Amino acid sequence: MSDCSALIIVDVQNDFCPGGALEVKEGDRVIPLLNRAAAIFAARGLPVVASRDLHPAQTSHFSQYGGIWPVHCVQGTAGAAFHPELRLPEGSIVVSKGMDPASDDYSALHARDDRGRLLPAVLRELGVSHLWIGGLATDYCVKESVLEAICQGFEVTVPVDACRGVDLSPGDSARALDEMEAAGARLATIADL
């Protein structure tokens, strides 16, 4: 981790954790690891970013409107809230995505801060060039965030122990990690911090 690094915590929300509307198996297991990483970044004065899905009630993302997913992370619902055990340090940047009813917006790099700025612009303004990206889910939002970050010129490290996947098809998460690594991401663990 360099002084130009930031931690991106992807979508650790109630609906993606056990008991949620779109439960990721063992999704809550990433929380202690990401909390540890967030504390390390904060102690070094480095940015911590938390992305969240914040869907409208009607969106093409949901199966009833042509998508593949059950209703989840709807604006203003408990399911859209960050998991209560997630400990975001003071000053963490929260960015929201999935608000366009016509777009899936898996990537955290499509998310906007409370001033409407896209995440890459926020990161560049902070002088960030290296991202640690973990969270939910390995095979969708984490993967798309990593691939987009690489395309936009960021160096990326993926702490594989702090990610869990949906695995709609068996092996999707493993294939996603292979794809991220092939694109140039470094695979690591939180202990490597």
N, C-alpha and C. Protein backbone atom coordinates (compact mmCIF):
# COMPACT_ATOMS: atom_id res chain seq x y z
N MET A 1 0.84 -1.18 0.00
CA MET A 1 0.00 0.00 0.00
C MET A 1 0.89 1.24 0.00
N SER A 2 0.61 2.14 -0.94
CA SER A 2 1.40 3.37 -1.04
C SER A 2 0.58 4.55 -0.53
N ASP A 3 1.21 5.71 -0.48
CA ASP A 3 0.52 6.91 -0.05
C ASP A 3 -0.46 7.42 -1.10
N CYS A 4 -0.51 6.76 -2.24
CA CYS A 4 -1.46 7.12 -3.31
C CYS A 4 -2.59 6.09 -3.40
N SER A 5 -2.79 5.33 -2.32
CA SER A 5 -3.79 4.25 -2.32
C SER A 5 -5.11 4.69 -1.70
N ALA A 6 -6.18 4.01 -2.09
CA ALA A 6 -7.49 4.17 -1.46
C ALA A 6 -8.13 2.79 -1.36
N LEU A 7 -8.99 2.62 -0.37
CA LEU A 7 -9.76 1.40 -0.19
C LEU A 7 -11.17 1.63 -0.72
N ILE A 8 -11.63 0.73 -1.59
CA ILE A 8 -13.01 0.78 -2.09
C ILE A 8 -13.75 -0.43 -1.52
N ILE A 9 -14.74 -0.17 -0.68
CA ILE A 9 -15.59 -1.22 -0.11
C ILE A 9 -16.86 -1.25 -0.95
N VAL A 10 -17.06 -2.37 -1.65
CA VAL A 10 -18.16 -2.45 -2.61
C VAL A 10 -19.40 -3.10 -1.99
N ASP A 11 -20.46 -2.34 -1.86
CA ASP A 11 -21.83 -2.82 -1.65
C ASP A 11 -22.02 -3.78 -0.47
N VAL A 12 -21.46 -3.46 0.68
CA VAL A 12 -21.67 -4.29 1.87
C VAL A 12 -22.96 -3.79 2.53
N GLN A 13 -24.07 -4.20 1.91
CA GLN A 13 -25.40 -3.74 2.29
C GLN A 13 -26.25 -4.89 2.79
N ASN A 14 -27.26 -4.57 3.57
CA ASN A 14 -28.10 -5.61 4.18
C ASN A 14 -28.67 -6.59 3.17
N ASP A 15 -29.13 -6.11 2.03
CA ASP A 15 -29.76 -7.01 1.06
C ASP A 15 -28.79 -8.00 0.44
N PHE A 16 -27.48 -7.74 0.51
CA PHE A 16 -26.49 -8.68 -0.03
C PHE A 16 -25.92 -9.61 1.03
N CYS A 17 -26.30 -9.42 2.27
CA CYS A 17 -25.80 -10.25 3.36
C CYS A 17 -26.84 -11.29 3.76
N PRO A 18 -26.47 -12.30 4.55
CA PRO A 18 -27.42 -13.35 4.93
C PRO A 18 -28.73 -12.78 5.46
N GLY A 19 -29.83 -13.30 4.89
CA GLY A 19 -31.16 -12.84 5.25
C GLY A 19 -31.68 -11.74 4.34
N GLY A 20 -30.82 -11.22 3.46
CA GLY A 20 -31.21 -10.14 2.58
C GLY A 20 -31.94 -10.62 1.34
N ALA A 21 -32.47 -9.68 0.57
CA ALA A 21 -33.26 -9.99 -0.62
C ALA A 21 -32.44 -10.64 -1.73
N LEU A 22 -31.15 -10.34 -1.78
CA LEU A 22 -30.25 -10.94 -2.77
C LEU A 22 -29.00 -11.40 -2.05
N GLU A 23 -29.20 -12.37 -1.19
CA GLU A 23 -28.16 -12.84 -0.28
C GLU A 23 -26.96 -13.43 -1.01
N VAL A 24 -25.79 -12.94 -0.66
CA VAL A 24 -24.53 -13.53 -1.11
C VAL A 24 -24.09 -14.47 0.00
N LYS A 25 -23.89 -15.73 -0.34
CA LYS A 25 -23.51 -16.71 0.68
C LYS A 25 -22.26 -16.24 1.42
N GLU A 26 -22.37 -16.20 2.76
CA GLU A 26 -21.27 -15.76 3.62
C GLU A 26 -20.85 -14.32 3.34
N GLY A 27 -21.77 -13.52 2.79
CA GLY A 27 -21.44 -12.13 2.47
C GLY A 27 -20.97 -11.34 3.67
N ASP A 28 -21.51 -11.68 4.86
CA ASP A 28 -21.12 -10.94 6.06
C ASP A 28 -19.72 -11.29 6.54
N ARG A 29 -19.13 -12.35 6.00
CA ARG A 29 -17.77 -12.75 6.42
C ARG A 29 -16.71 -11.76 5.96
N VAL A 30 -17.04 -10.92 4.99
CA VAL A 30 -16.05 -9.94 4.52
C VAL A 30 -15.95 -8.75 5.48
N ILE A 31 -16.95 -8.58 6.34
CA ILE A 31 -17.04 -7.35 7.14
C ILE A 31 -15.87 -7.17 8.10
N PRO A 32 -15.51 -8.17 8.92
CA PRO A 32 -14.37 -7.95 9.83
C PRO A 32 -13.07 -7.63 9.08
N LEU A 33 -12.87 -8.26 7.94
CA LEU A 33 -11.65 -8.00 7.16
C LEU A 33 -11.65 -6.59 6.58
N LEU A 34 -12.80 -6.17 6.06
CA LEU A 34 -12.88 -4.82 5.49
C LEU A 34 -12.81 -3.77 6.59
N ASN A 35 -13.38 -4.07 7.76
CA ASN A 35 -13.24 -3.15 8.89
C ASN A 35 -11.77 -2.96 9.26
N ARG A 36 -11.02 -4.07 9.28
CA ARG A 36 -9.60 -4.00 9.59
C ARG A 36 -8.86 -3.16 8.55
N ALA A 37 -9.18 -3.42 7.27
CA ALA A 37 -8.53 -2.66 6.20
C ALA A 37 -8.88 -1.18 6.30
N ALA A 38 -10.15 -0.87 6.57
CA ALA A 38 -10.57 0.53 6.67
C ALA A 38 -9.83 1.24 7.79
N ALA A 39 -9.65 0.55 8.91
CA ALA A 39 -8.92 1.15 10.04
C ALA A 39 -7.47 1.42 9.68
N ILE A 40 -6.86 0.52 8.94
CA ILE A 40 -5.47 0.70 8.52
C ILE A 40 -5.35 1.90 7.57
N PHE A 41 -6.26 1.97 6.59
CA PHE A 41 -6.23 3.10 5.65
C PHE A 41 -6.45 4.41 6.40
N ALA A 42 -7.45 4.44 7.28
CA ALA A 42 -7.76 5.66 8.01
C ALA A 42 -6.59 6.11 8.89
N ALA A 43 -5.93 5.15 9.51
CA ALA A 43 -4.80 5.48 10.38
C ALA A 43 -3.66 6.11 9.61
N ARG A 44 -3.56 5.78 8.33
CA ARG A 44 -2.51 6.36 7.48
C ARG A 44 -2.99 7.61 6.74
N GLY A 45 -4.23 8.03 7.02
CA GLY A 45 -4.77 9.22 6.37
C GLY A 45 -5.14 9.00 4.92
N LEU A 46 -5.39 7.74 4.55
CA LEU A 46 -5.73 7.41 3.16
C LEU A 46 -7.25 7.26 3.01
N PRO A 47 -7.77 7.55 1.81
CA PRO A 47 -9.22 7.53 1.62
C PRO A 47 -9.83 6.14 1.74
N VAL A 48 -11.01 6.11 2.36
CA VAL A 48 -11.86 4.93 2.41
C VAL A 48 -13.17 5.30 1.72
N VAL A 49 -13.53 4.51 0.72
CA VAL A 49 -14.75 4.76 -0.06
C VAL A 49 -15.67 3.56 0.10
N ALA A 50 -16.95 3.82 0.34
CA ALA A 50 -17.94 2.75 0.39
C ALA A 50 -18.98 3.00 -0.68
N SER A 51 -19.13 2.05 -1.61
CA SER A 51 -20.17 2.18 -2.63
C SER A 51 -21.42 1.44 -2.18
N ARG A 52 -22.54 1.88 -2.73
CA ARG A 52 -23.80 1.22 -2.41
C ARG A 52 -24.72 1.26 -3.63
N ASP A 53 -25.47 0.17 -3.82
CA ASP A 53 -26.57 0.17 -4.76
C ASP A 53 -27.68 1.01 -4.14
N LEU A 54 -28.31 1.83 -4.93
CA LEU A 54 -29.40 2.66 -4.45
C LEU A 54 -30.45 2.75 -5.56
N HIS A 55 -31.13 1.61 -5.77
CA HIS A 55 -32.03 1.49 -6.91
C HIS A 55 -33.38 2.17 -6.68
N PRO A 56 -33.96 2.69 -7.76
CA PRO A 56 -35.36 3.10 -7.67
C PRO A 56 -36.24 1.85 -7.59
N ALA A 57 -37.50 2.02 -7.20
CA ALA A 57 -38.40 0.87 -7.06
C ALA A 57 -38.64 0.18 -8.39
N GLN A 58 -38.63 0.94 -9.48
CA GLN A 58 -38.81 0.37 -10.81
C GLN A 58 -37.54 0.59 -11.62
N THR A 59 -36.90 -0.51 -11.99
CA THR A 59 -35.67 -0.43 -12.78
C THR A 59 -35.54 -1.68 -13.63
N SER A 60 -34.94 -1.53 -14.80
CA SER A 60 -34.71 -2.67 -15.69
C SER A 60 -33.73 -3.66 -15.10
N HIS A 61 -33.13 -3.34 -13.97
CA HIS A 61 -32.22 -4.22 -13.25
C HIS A 61 -32.98 -5.38 -12.58
N PHE A 62 -34.24 -5.16 -12.24
CA PHE A 62 -35.04 -6.14 -11.51
C PHE A 62 -35.79 -7.06 -12.48
N SER A 63 -35.96 -8.31 -12.07
CA SER A 63 -36.57 -9.31 -12.95
C SER A 63 -37.98 -8.93 -13.40
N GLN A 64 -38.75 -8.27 -12.55
CA GLN A 64 -40.12 -7.94 -12.94
C GLN A 64 -40.18 -6.85 -14.02
N TYR A 65 -39.02 -6.21 -14.27
CA TYR A 65 -38.95 -5.18 -15.32
C TYR A 65 -37.94 -5.54 -16.40
N GLY A 66 -37.63 -6.82 -16.52
CA GLY A 66 -36.78 -7.30 -17.61
C GLY A 66 -35.36 -7.68 -17.24
N GLY A 67 -34.94 -7.42 -16.00
CA GLY A 67 -33.59 -7.77 -15.57
C GLY A 67 -33.49 -9.19 -15.06
N ILE A 68 -32.40 -9.49 -14.35
CA ILE A 68 -32.20 -10.87 -13.86
C ILE A 68 -32.25 -10.97 -12.35
N TRP A 69 -32.42 -9.83 -11.64
CA TRP A 69 -32.29 -9.84 -10.19
C TRP A 69 -33.62 -9.61 -9.48
N PRO A 70 -33.78 -10.21 -8.30
CA PRO A 70 -34.93 -9.86 -7.47
C PRO A 70 -34.79 -8.42 -6.97
N VAL A 71 -35.88 -7.86 -6.52
CA VAL A 71 -35.85 -6.49 -5.99
C VAL A 71 -34.89 -6.44 -4.80
N HIS A 72 -33.98 -5.46 -4.82
CA HIS A 72 -33.00 -5.33 -3.74
C HIS A 72 -32.49 -3.89 -3.68
N CYS A 73 -32.00 -3.50 -2.50
CA CYS A 73 -31.34 -2.20 -2.30
C CYS A 73 -32.14 -1.04 -2.90
N VAL A 74 -33.44 -1.05 -2.61
CA VAL A 74 -34.29 0.05 -3.08
C VAL A 74 -34.10 1.26 -2.18
N GLN A 75 -34.02 2.42 -2.80
CA GLN A 75 -33.82 3.67 -2.08
C GLN A 75 -34.80 3.79 -0.91
N GLY A 76 -34.26 4.13 0.26
CA GLY A 76 -35.10 4.35 1.42
C GLY A 76 -35.50 3.12 2.20
N THR A 77 -35.01 1.93 1.80
CA THR A 77 -35.36 0.70 2.51
C THR A 77 -34.20 0.25 3.40
N ALA A 78 -34.54 -0.58 4.39
CA ALA A 78 -33.50 -1.13 5.28
C ALA A 78 -32.51 -1.99 4.50
N GLY A 79 -32.97 -2.64 3.45
CA GLY A 79 -32.09 -3.49 2.65
C GLY A 79 -30.98 -2.72 1.97
N ALA A 80 -31.21 -1.44 1.69
CA ALA A 80 -30.21 -0.62 1.01
C ALA A 80 -29.15 -0.08 1.98
N ALA A 81 -29.42 -0.16 3.27
CA ALA A 81 -28.48 0.37 4.27
C ALA A 81 -27.22 -0.49 4.33
N PHE A 82 -26.11 0.16 4.71
CA PHE A 82 -24.90 -0.62 4.95
C PHE A 82 -25.16 -1.58 6.11
N HIS A 83 -24.49 -2.75 6.07
CA HIS A 83 -24.63 -3.72 7.14
C HIS A 83 -24.24 -3.05 8.46
N PRO A 84 -25.01 -3.29 9.54
CA PRO A 84 -24.74 -2.58 10.79
C PRO A 84 -23.37 -2.86 11.40
N GLU A 85 -22.73 -3.96 11.02
CA GLU A 85 -21.39 -4.25 11.56
C GLU A 85 -20.27 -3.61 10.76
N LEU A 86 -20.59 -3.02 9.61
CA LEU A 86 -19.57 -2.34 8.82
C LEU A 86 -19.18 -1.05 9.53
N ARG A 87 -17.90 -0.87 9.80
CA ARG A 87 -17.40 0.29 10.53
C ARG A 87 -16.64 1.21 9.58
N LEU A 88 -17.34 2.18 9.07
CA LEU A 88 -16.69 3.14 8.17
C LEU A 88 -16.04 4.24 9.01
N PRO A 89 -14.76 4.48 8.80
CA PRO A 89 -14.08 5.54 9.57
C PRO A 89 -14.70 6.91 9.30
N GLU A 90 -14.54 7.79 10.25
CA GLU A 90 -15.00 9.16 10.07
C GLU A 90 -14.32 9.74 8.82
N GLY A 91 -15.10 10.42 8.01
CA GLY A 91 -14.56 11.01 6.79
C GLY A 91 -14.60 10.09 5.59
N SER A 92 -15.14 8.87 5.76
CA SER A 92 -15.26 7.97 4.60
C SER A 92 -16.15 8.61 3.53
N ILE A 93 -15.87 8.28 2.31
CA ILE A 93 -16.63 8.80 1.17
C ILE A 93 -17.66 7.75 0.78
N VAL A 94 -18.93 8.12 0.79
CA VAL A 94 -20.00 7.21 0.37
C VAL A 94 -20.44 7.61 -1.04
N VAL A 95 -20.45 6.63 -1.93
CA VAL A 95 -20.89 6.87 -3.31
C VAL A 95 -22.03 5.91 -3.64
N SER A 96 -22.93 6.39 -4.48
CA SER A 96 -24.15 5.63 -4.80
C SER A 96 -24.23 5.36 -6.29
N LYS A 97 -24.76 4.17 -6.62
CA LYS A 97 -24.90 3.76 -8.02
C LYS A 97 -26.21 3.01 -8.20
N GLY A 98 -26.55 2.74 -9.46
CA GLY A 98 -27.78 2.00 -9.75
C GLY A 98 -29.03 2.85 -9.67
N MET A 99 -28.88 4.15 -9.66
CA MET A 99 -30.03 5.04 -9.52
C MET A 99 -30.74 5.30 -10.85
N ASP A 100 -30.06 5.05 -11.96
CA ASP A 100 -30.66 5.21 -13.28
C ASP A 100 -31.53 3.98 -13.56
N PRO A 101 -32.84 4.15 -13.74
CA PRO A 101 -33.72 2.99 -13.93
C PRO A 101 -33.44 2.20 -15.21
N ALA A 102 -32.63 2.74 -16.11
CA ALA A 102 -32.34 2.05 -17.36
C ALA A 102 -30.94 1.45 -17.41
N SER A 103 -30.22 1.46 -16.27
CA SER A 103 -28.84 0.99 -16.27
C SER A 103 -28.56 0.09 -15.08
N ASP A 104 -27.74 -0.96 -15.30
CA ASP A 104 -27.37 -1.86 -14.20
C ASP A 104 -26.35 -1.24 -13.25
N ASP A 105 -25.37 -0.52 -13.79
CA ASP A 105 -24.36 0.16 -12.98
C ASP A 105 -23.73 -0.76 -11.93
N TYR A 106 -23.12 -1.85 -12.36
CA TYR A 106 -22.43 -2.73 -11.43
C TYR A 106 -21.18 -2.08 -10.84
N SER A 107 -20.47 -1.32 -11.65
CA SER A 107 -19.16 -0.79 -11.24
C SER A 107 -19.29 0.36 -10.25
N ALA A 108 -18.49 0.28 -9.18
CA ALA A 108 -18.43 1.39 -8.22
C ALA A 108 -17.86 2.64 -8.87
N LEU A 109 -17.15 2.49 -9.98
CA LEU A 109 -16.61 3.67 -10.65
C LEU A 109 -17.69 4.45 -11.40
N HIS A 110 -18.90 3.90 -11.49
CA HIS A 110 -20.04 4.63 -12.06
C HIS A 110 -20.81 5.36 -10.97
N ALA A 111 -20.41 5.17 -9.71
CA ALA A 111 -21.12 5.76 -8.58
C ALA A 111 -20.75 7.24 -8.43
N ARG A 112 -21.65 7.97 -7.77
CA ARG A 112 -21.46 9.41 -7.55
C ARG A 112 -21.47 9.72 -6.07
N ASP A 113 -20.70 10.75 -5.69
CA ASP A 113 -20.70 11.19 -4.30
C ASP A 113 -21.89 12.11 -4.04
N ASP A 114 -21.98 12.66 -2.84
CA ASP A 114 -23.14 13.48 -2.50
C ASP A 114 -23.16 14.82 -3.22
N ARG A 115 -22.08 15.13 -3.93
CA ARG A 115 -22.05 16.34 -4.76
C ARG A 115 -22.28 16.04 -6.23
N GLY A 116 -22.54 14.76 -6.53
CA GLY A 116 -22.82 14.36 -7.91
C GLY A 116 -21.60 14.04 -8.75
N ARG A 117 -20.42 14.01 -8.12
CA ARG A 117 -19.19 13.73 -8.87
C ARG A 117 -18.99 12.22 -9.01
N LEU A 118 -18.57 11.79 -10.19
CA LEU A 118 -18.25 10.39 -10.40
C LEU A 118 -17.01 10.00 -9.59
N LEU A 119 -16.98 8.76 -9.12
CA LEU A 119 -15.89 8.31 -8.25
C LEU A 119 -14.50 8.52 -8.85
N PRO A 120 -14.26 8.20 -10.14
CA PRO A 120 -12.89 8.43 -10.66
C PRO A 120 -12.43 9.88 -10.50
N ALA A 121 -13.33 10.83 -10.69
CA ALA A 121 -12.96 12.24 -10.54
C ALA A 121 -12.60 12.55 -9.09
N VAL A 122 -13.35 11.99 -8.16
CA VAL A 122 -13.07 12.18 -6.73
C VAL A 122 -11.70 11.61 -6.40
N LEU A 123 -11.43 10.40 -6.88
CA LEU A 123 -10.15 9.75 -6.58
C LEU A 123 -8.97 10.53 -7.17
N ARG A 124 -9.12 11.01 -8.39
CA ARG A 124 -8.02 11.76 -9.02
C ARG A 124 -7.78 13.08 -8.28
N GLU A 125 -8.85 13.69 -7.83
CA GLU A 125 -8.70 14.93 -7.06
C GLU A 125 -7.91 14.69 -5.77
N LEU A 126 -8.04 13.48 -5.21
CA LEU A 126 -7.33 13.12 -3.99
C LEU A 126 -5.92 12.58 -4.26
N GLY A 127 -5.54 12.50 -5.53
CA GLY A 127 -4.21 12.02 -5.88
C GLY A 127 -4.06 10.52 -5.79
N VAL A 128 -5.17 9.79 -5.88
CA VAL A 128 -5.16 8.33 -5.77
C VAL A 128 -4.82 7.70 -7.11
N SER A 129 -3.91 6.74 -7.09
CA SER A 129 -3.56 6.00 -8.31
C SER A 129 -3.65 4.49 -8.12
N HIS A 130 -3.78 4.04 -6.86
CA HIS A 130 -3.82 2.60 -6.56
C HIS A 130 -5.04 2.31 -5.70
N LEU A 131 -5.84 1.35 -6.12
CA LEU A 131 -7.07 0.99 -5.40
C LEU A 131 -7.00 -0.42 -4.86
N TRP A 132 -7.40 -0.58 -3.61
CA TRP A 132 -7.70 -1.89 -3.03
C TRP A 132 -9.22 -2.01 -3.10
N ILE A 133 -9.72 -3.04 -3.79
CA ILE A 133 -11.16 -3.18 -4.00
C ILE A 133 -11.63 -4.53 -3.47
N GLY A 134 -12.54 -4.49 -2.48
CA GLY A 134 -13.13 -5.71 -1.94
C GLY A 134 -14.60 -5.49 -1.64
N GLY A 135 -15.29 -6.58 -1.31
CA GLY A 135 -16.71 -6.47 -0.96
C GLY A 135 -17.56 -7.47 -1.69
N LEU A 136 -18.75 -7.02 -2.12
CA LEU A 136 -19.76 -7.89 -2.69
C LEU A 136 -20.25 -7.33 -4.03
N ALA A 137 -20.42 -8.16 -4.98
CA ALA A 137 -20.08 -9.56 -5.04
C ALA A 137 -18.93 -9.74 -6.03
N THR A 138 -18.08 -10.72 -5.74
CA THR A 138 -16.88 -10.97 -6.52
C THR A 138 -17.15 -10.98 -8.02
N ASP A 139 -18.21 -11.70 -8.41
CA ASP A 139 -18.47 -11.98 -9.82
C ASP A 139 -19.32 -10.92 -10.52
N TYR A 140 -19.72 -9.89 -9.81
CA TYR A 140 -20.49 -8.81 -10.44
C TYR A 140 -19.89 -7.44 -10.11
N CYS A 141 -20.30 -6.85 -9.01
CA CYS A 141 -19.89 -5.46 -8.75
C CYS A 141 -18.41 -5.31 -8.45
N VAL A 142 -17.81 -6.27 -7.75
CA VAL A 142 -16.36 -6.20 -7.52
C VAL A 142 -15.63 -6.34 -8.85
N LYS A 143 -15.98 -7.36 -9.61
CA LYS A 143 -15.30 -7.59 -10.90
C LYS A 143 -15.43 -6.37 -11.82
N GLU A 144 -16.64 -5.86 -11.96
CA GLU A 144 -16.83 -4.72 -12.88
C GLU A 144 -16.10 -3.48 -12.37
N SER A 145 -16.05 -3.29 -11.06
CA SER A 145 -15.32 -2.16 -10.50
C SER A 145 -13.83 -2.28 -10.80
N VAL A 146 -13.29 -3.48 -10.62
CA VAL A 146 -11.87 -3.72 -10.87
C VAL A 146 -11.53 -3.51 -12.34
N LEU A 147 -12.32 -4.09 -13.23
CA LEU A 147 -12.03 -3.98 -14.66
C LEU A 147 -12.14 -2.53 -15.13
N GLU A 148 -13.15 -1.81 -14.64
CA GLU A 148 -13.31 -0.40 -15.00
C GLU A 148 -12.14 0.43 -14.47
N ALA A 149 -11.72 0.14 -13.24
CA ALA A 149 -10.61 0.90 -12.64
C ALA A 149 -9.34 0.71 -13.47
N ILE A 150 -9.08 -0.52 -13.88
CA ILE A 150 -7.90 -0.80 -14.70
C ILE A 150 -8.00 -0.06 -16.03
N CYS A 151 -9.18 -0.09 -16.65
CA CYS A 151 -9.38 0.62 -17.92
C CYS A 151 -9.14 2.12 -17.76
N GLN A 152 -9.43 2.64 -16.58
CA GLN A 152 -9.26 4.07 -16.34
C GLN A 152 -7.86 4.43 -15.83
N GLY A 153 -6.97 3.43 -15.81
CA GLY A 153 -5.57 3.72 -15.51
C GLY A 153 -5.15 3.57 -14.06
N PHE A 154 -6.03 3.05 -13.20
CA PHE A 154 -5.66 2.83 -11.81
C PHE A 154 -4.95 1.48 -11.67
N GLU A 155 -3.99 1.40 -10.76
CA GLU A 155 -3.46 0.11 -10.33
C GLU A 155 -4.48 -0.47 -9.35
N VAL A 156 -4.68 -1.80 -9.39
CA VAL A 156 -5.71 -2.40 -8.54
C VAL A 156 -5.18 -3.64 -7.84
N THR A 157 -5.47 -3.72 -6.54
CA THR A 157 -5.22 -4.92 -5.75
C THR A 157 -6.57 -5.41 -5.23
N VAL A 158 -6.79 -6.71 -5.35
CA VAL A 158 -8.04 -7.33 -4.89
C VAL A 158 -7.74 -8.25 -3.71
N PRO A 159 -8.19 -7.90 -2.50
CA PRO A 159 -8.01 -8.82 -1.36
C PRO A 159 -9.07 -9.92 -1.45
N VAL A 160 -8.67 -11.08 -1.95
CA VAL A 160 -9.63 -12.13 -2.27
C VAL A 160 -10.37 -12.65 -1.03
N ASP A 161 -9.74 -12.54 0.14
CA ASP A 161 -10.41 -13.01 1.35
C ASP A 161 -11.52 -12.06 1.79
N ALA A 162 -11.52 -10.83 1.26
CA ALA A 162 -12.53 -9.84 1.63
C ALA A 162 -13.55 -9.64 0.51
N CYS A 163 -13.76 -10.70 -0.27
CA CYS A 163 -14.77 -10.71 -1.34
C CYS A 163 -15.57 -12.01 -1.26
N ARG A 164 -16.82 -11.94 -1.60
CA ARG A 164 -17.66 -13.13 -1.75
C ARG A 164 -18.52 -12.94 -3.00
N GLY A 165 -18.86 -14.07 -3.64
CA GLY A 165 -19.59 -13.99 -4.91
C GLY A 165 -20.97 -14.60 -4.86
N VAL A 166 -21.74 -14.27 -5.90
CA VAL A 166 -23.10 -14.80 -6.06
C VAL A 166 -23.04 -16.23 -6.60
N ASP A 167 -22.19 -16.46 -7.60
CA ASP A 167 -22.05 -17.77 -8.25
C ASP A 167 -23.38 -18.28 -8.78
N LEU A 168 -24.04 -17.47 -9.64
CA LEU A 168 -25.26 -17.94 -10.30
C LEU A 168 -24.97 -19.25 -11.02
N SER A 169 -23.80 -19.33 -11.65
CA SER A 169 -23.29 -20.59 -12.20
C SER A 169 -22.08 -20.97 -11.37
N PRO A 170 -21.96 -22.26 -10.99
CA PRO A 170 -20.82 -22.67 -10.17
C PRO A 170 -19.49 -22.25 -10.81
N GLY A 171 -18.63 -21.66 -9.99
CA GLY A 171 -17.32 -21.26 -10.47
C GLY A 171 -17.24 -19.83 -11.00
N ASP A 172 -18.37 -19.11 -11.00
CA ASP A 172 -18.35 -17.73 -11.50
C ASP A 172 -17.35 -16.85 -10.77
N SER A 173 -17.26 -17.01 -9.45
CA SER A 173 -16.36 -16.16 -8.68
C SER A 173 -14.90 -16.46 -9.01
N ALA A 174 -14.58 -17.74 -9.13
CA ALA A 174 -13.20 -18.12 -9.48
C ALA A 174 -12.85 -17.59 -10.87
N ARG A 175 -13.79 -17.71 -11.80
CA ARG A 175 -13.54 -17.18 -13.15
C ARG A 175 -13.38 -15.65 -13.11
N ALA A 176 -14.17 -14.99 -12.26
CA ALA A 176 -14.07 -13.54 -12.15
C ALA A 176 -12.68 -13.12 -11.64
N LEU A 177 -12.18 -13.84 -10.65
CA LEU A 177 -10.83 -13.54 -10.14
C LEU A 177 -9.78 -13.76 -11.21
N ASP A 178 -9.93 -14.83 -11.99
CA ASP A 178 -8.99 -15.08 -13.10
C ASP A 178 -9.04 -13.93 -14.11
N GLU A 179 -10.26 -13.46 -14.40
CA GLU A 179 -10.43 -12.38 -15.37
C GLU A 179 -9.80 -11.08 -14.86
N MET A 180 -9.99 -10.80 -13.58
CA MET A 180 -9.40 -9.60 -12.99
C MET A 180 -7.88 -9.66 -13.04
N GLU A 181 -7.34 -10.82 -12.68
CA GLU A 181 -5.88 -10.98 -12.68
C GLU A 181 -5.33 -10.86 -14.10
N ALA A 182 -6.03 -11.47 -15.06
CA ALA A 182 -5.58 -11.40 -16.46
C ALA A 182 -5.60 -9.96 -16.97
N ALA A 183 -6.51 -9.15 -16.44
CA ALA A 183 -6.60 -7.74 -16.87
C ALA A 183 -5.53 -6.88 -16.22
N GLY A 184 -4.83 -7.42 -15.20
CA GLY A 184 -3.75 -6.68 -14.58
C GLY A 184 -3.89 -6.43 -13.09
N ALA A 185 -4.98 -6.91 -12.49
CA ALA A 185 -5.15 -6.74 -11.04
C ALA A 185 -4.20 -7.68 -10.30
N ARG A 186 -3.76 -7.24 -9.14
CA ARG A 186 -2.95 -8.08 -8.25
C ARG A 186 -3.89 -8.70 -7.23
N LEU A 187 -3.81 -10.02 -7.06
CA LEU A 187 -4.62 -10.71 -6.05
C LEU A 187 -3.81 -10.80 -4.78
N ALA A 188 -4.45 -10.49 -3.65
CA ALA A 188 -3.75 -10.46 -2.36
C ALA A 188 -4.73 -10.84 -1.26
N THR A 189 -4.33 -10.61 -0.01
CA THR A 189 -5.21 -10.79 1.14
C THR A 189 -5.09 -9.54 2.00
N ILE A 190 -6.01 -9.39 2.93
CA ILE A 190 -5.96 -8.23 3.83
C ILE A 190 -4.66 -8.25 4.65
N ALA A 191 -4.16 -9.44 4.95
CA ALA A 191 -2.90 -9.54 5.70
C ALA A 191 -1.74 -8.86 4.96
N ASP A 192 -1.85 -8.76 3.63
CA ASP A 192 -0.78 -8.14 2.85
C ASP A 192 -0.71 -6.62 3.05
N LEU A 193 -1.72 -6.05 3.66
CA LEU A 193 -1.66 -4.62 3.97
C LEU A 193 -0.56 -4.34 4.96
